[in-house]
Amino acid sequence: MCSNGNPNAKISKIVDQIASLTLLETADLIQQLKARLNIQDIAMPTVNVASAVASPAAATPKVEEEKPAEKTEFRVKLEKYEATAKTKIIREIKNIIQGMNLVEAKKFVEGVPKVIKESATKEEAEKIKKTIEDLGGFVVLE
């Protein structure tokens, strides 16, 4: 619109011509305008609308988030055991590790230190550790 409120005929004609362009023609027009007017490409910041709507507090950084994330997966490792508890620990290892027979469990226990379980949840790892330690073994969670 001109300063007097009436649309400029020249501008209206250009707008009509731009509106009739195909997508490829529009992209070509943009490239030519950038070149002619010396306009640099600018990286536009992207906003994830779903997360911004779900938690508006996520936009403001929290001091608490600077703490390292709590570990969610643990490796349960049998370090050693009391000699008197060997048979009980062999039986328990056989029960914990699916598909292991008694002979394999015996070799496993005699070859300590050995990993009992990889990628165990915190609760599962603590349960295994308590069970083995109650029998006389020494377990480390990594």
Protein backbone atom coordinates (compact mmCIF):
# COMPACT_ATOMS: atom_id res chain seq x y z
CA MET A 1 0.00 0.00 0.00
CA CYS A 2 1.13 3.50 -0.67
CA SER A 3 1.30 6.05 2.08
CA ASN A 4 -2.14 7.31 1.03
CA GLY A 5 -3.73 3.85 1.60
CA ASN A 6 -4.26 2.82 -2.05
CA PRO A 7 -2.39 -0.22 -3.41
CA ASN A 8 0.34 0.58 -5.93
CA ALA A 9 -0.54 -0.94 -9.31
CA LYS A 10 3.08 -1.87 -10.04
CA ILE A 11 3.45 -3.72 -6.70
CA SER A 12 0.09 -5.47 -7.13
CA LYS A 13 1.18 -6.70 -10.56
CA ILE A 14 4.47 -8.08 -9.14
CA VAL A 15 2.63 -9.82 -6.29
CA ASP A 16 0.23 -11.44 -8.78
CA GLN A 17 3.14 -12.62 -10.93
CA ILE A 18 4.97 -14.10 -7.90
CA ALA A 19 1.79 -15.85 -6.74
CA SER A 20 1.48 -17.56 -10.12
CA LEU A 21 5.03 -19.02 -10.03
CA THR A 22 5.67 -22.73 -9.53
CA LEU A 23 7.73 -23.95 -6.61
CA LEU A 24 10.87 -24.33 -8.74
CA GLU A 25 10.39 -20.89 -10.25
CA THR A 26 9.96 -19.43 -6.76
CA ALA A 27 13.20 -21.07 -5.59
CA ASP A 28 15.00 -19.66 -8.65
CA LEU A 29 13.53 -16.20 -7.94
CA ILE A 30 14.77 -16.34 -4.35
CA GLN A 31 18.29 -17.32 -5.46
CA GLN A 32 18.40 -14.49 -8.01
CA LEU A 33 17.13 -11.93 -5.49
CA LYS A 34 19.75 -13.06 -2.94
CA ALA A 35 22.49 -12.70 -5.56
CA ARG A 36 21.31 -9.32 -6.85
CA LEU A 37 20.67 -7.83 -3.38
CA ASN A 38 23.75 -9.42 -1.76
CA ILE A 39 21.72 -11.27 0.89
CA GLN A 40 23.54 -13.94 2.93
CA ASP A 41 21.87 -17.19 4.00
CA ILE A 42 21.05 -17.14 7.71
CA ALA A 43 20.52 -20.29 9.76
CA MET A 44 17.12 -19.97 11.36
CA PRO A 45 16.80 -21.38 14.85
CA THR A 46 14.49 -24.37 14.95
CA VAL A 47 11.98 -24.89 17.71
CA ASN A 48 10.50 -28.25 18.57
CA VAL A 49 6.88 -27.21 19.04
CA ALA A 50 5.85 -30.42 20.78
CA SER A 51 8.47 -30.12 23.51
CA ALA A 52 7.96 -26.37 23.90
CA VAL A 53 4.23 -26.89 24.43
CA ALA A 54 4.67 -29.94 26.67
CA SER A 55 7.12 -28.29 29.03
CA PRO A 56 7.50 -24.53 28.86
CA ALA A 57 10.01 -24.75 31.72
CA ALA A 58 12.37 -26.63 29.39
CA ALA A 59 13.17 -23.35 27.65
CA THR A 60 14.81 -22.03 30.82
CA PRO A 61 17.97 -23.88 31.84
CA LYS A 62 17.99 -25.34 35.32
CA VAL A 63 20.97 -25.52 37.62
CA GLU A 64 19.98 -29.05 38.64
CA GLU A 65 20.47 -30.34 35.09
CA GLU A 66 24.22 -29.78 35.37
CA LYS A 67 24.56 -32.83 37.61
CA PRO A 68 25.68 -35.97 35.79
CA ALA A 69 22.82 -38.23 34.80
CA GLU A 70 22.12 -41.10 37.15
CA LYS A 71 23.35 -44.41 35.81
CA THR A 72 20.52 -46.66 34.63
CA GLU A 73 22.42 -49.77 33.51
CA PHE A 74 24.88 -51.68 35.62
CA ARG A 75 27.31 -54.51 35.10
CA VAL A 76 27.18 -57.02 37.97
CA LYS A 77 30.58 -58.59 38.57
CA LEU A 78 31.50 -61.40 40.97
CA GLU A 79 34.93 -60.43 42.32
CA LYS A 80 35.58 -63.22 44.84
CA TYR A 81 33.87 -65.50 47.30
CA GLU A 82 34.46 -67.27 50.58
CA ALA A 83 35.66 -70.86 50.11
CA THR A 84 32.91 -72.16 52.39
CA ALA A 85 30.24 -70.50 50.22
CA LYS A 86 31.41 -71.89 46.87
CA THR A 87 28.66 -74.49 46.37
CA LYS A 88 25.87 -72.08 47.34
CA ILE A 89 27.22 -69.43 44.97
CA ILE A 90 27.53 -71.97 42.12
CA ARG A 91 23.85 -72.89 42.54
CA GLU A 92 22.80 -69.23 42.65
CA ILE A 93 24.85 -68.36 39.53
CA LYS A 94 23.16 -71.28 37.75
CA ASN A 95 19.77 -69.79 38.69
CA ILE A 96 20.72 -66.22 37.69
CA ILE A 97 22.29 -66.97 34.30
CA GLN A 98 19.64 -68.55 32.08
CA GLY A 99 20.66 -71.73 30.23
CA MET A 100 23.74 -72.42 32.35
CA ASN A 101 24.16 -75.95 33.71
CA LEU A 102 25.86 -76.87 36.98
CA VAL A 103 29.25 -77.68 35.38
CA GLU A 104 29.28 -74.34 33.52
CA ALA A 105 28.31 -72.51 36.71
CA LYS A 106 31.18 -74.22 38.58
CA LYS A 107 33.70 -73.15 35.90
CA PHE A 108 32.22 -69.65 35.94
CA VAL A 109 32.60 -69.28 39.71
CA GLU A 110 36.11 -70.76 39.73
CA GLY A 111 37.18 -68.23 37.08
CA VAL A 112 36.39 -65.09 39.08
CA PRO A 113 36.40 -62.17 38.57
CA LYS A 114 33.53 -62.67 36.12
CA VAL A 115 30.58 -60.57 34.95
CA ILE A 116 27.33 -62.13 36.12
CA LYS A 117 25.03 -59.79 34.20
CA GLU A 118 25.55 -57.00 31.63
CA SER A 119 23.12 -54.08 31.36
CA ALA A 120 21.14 -54.84 34.49
CA THR A 121 18.70 -52.28 35.88
CA LYS A 122 19.56 -50.69 39.21
CA GLU A 123 16.98 -52.76 41.09
CA GLU A 124 18.01 -56.00 39.38
CA ALA A 125 21.71 -55.33 40.00
CA GLU A 126 21.15 -54.55 43.67
CA LYS A 127 19.02 -57.68 44.10
CA ILE A 128 21.72 -59.91 42.56
CA LYS A 129 24.41 -58.22 44.64
CA LYS A 130 22.48 -58.70 47.89
CA THR A 131 21.72 -62.35 47.10
CA ILE A 132 25.34 -63.24 46.27
CA GLU A 133 26.75 -61.27 49.21
CA ASP A 134 24.31 -62.95 51.61
CA LEU A 135 25.73 -66.29 50.41
CA GLY A 136 29.34 -65.20 50.99
CA GLY A 137 30.39 -63.66 47.67
CA PHE A 138 31.77 -60.20 46.93
CA VAL A 139 30.03 -58.36 44.08
CA VAL A 140 30.86 -55.06 42.38
CA LEU A 141 28.40 -52.94 40.40
CA GLU A 142 30.03 -51.11 37.50
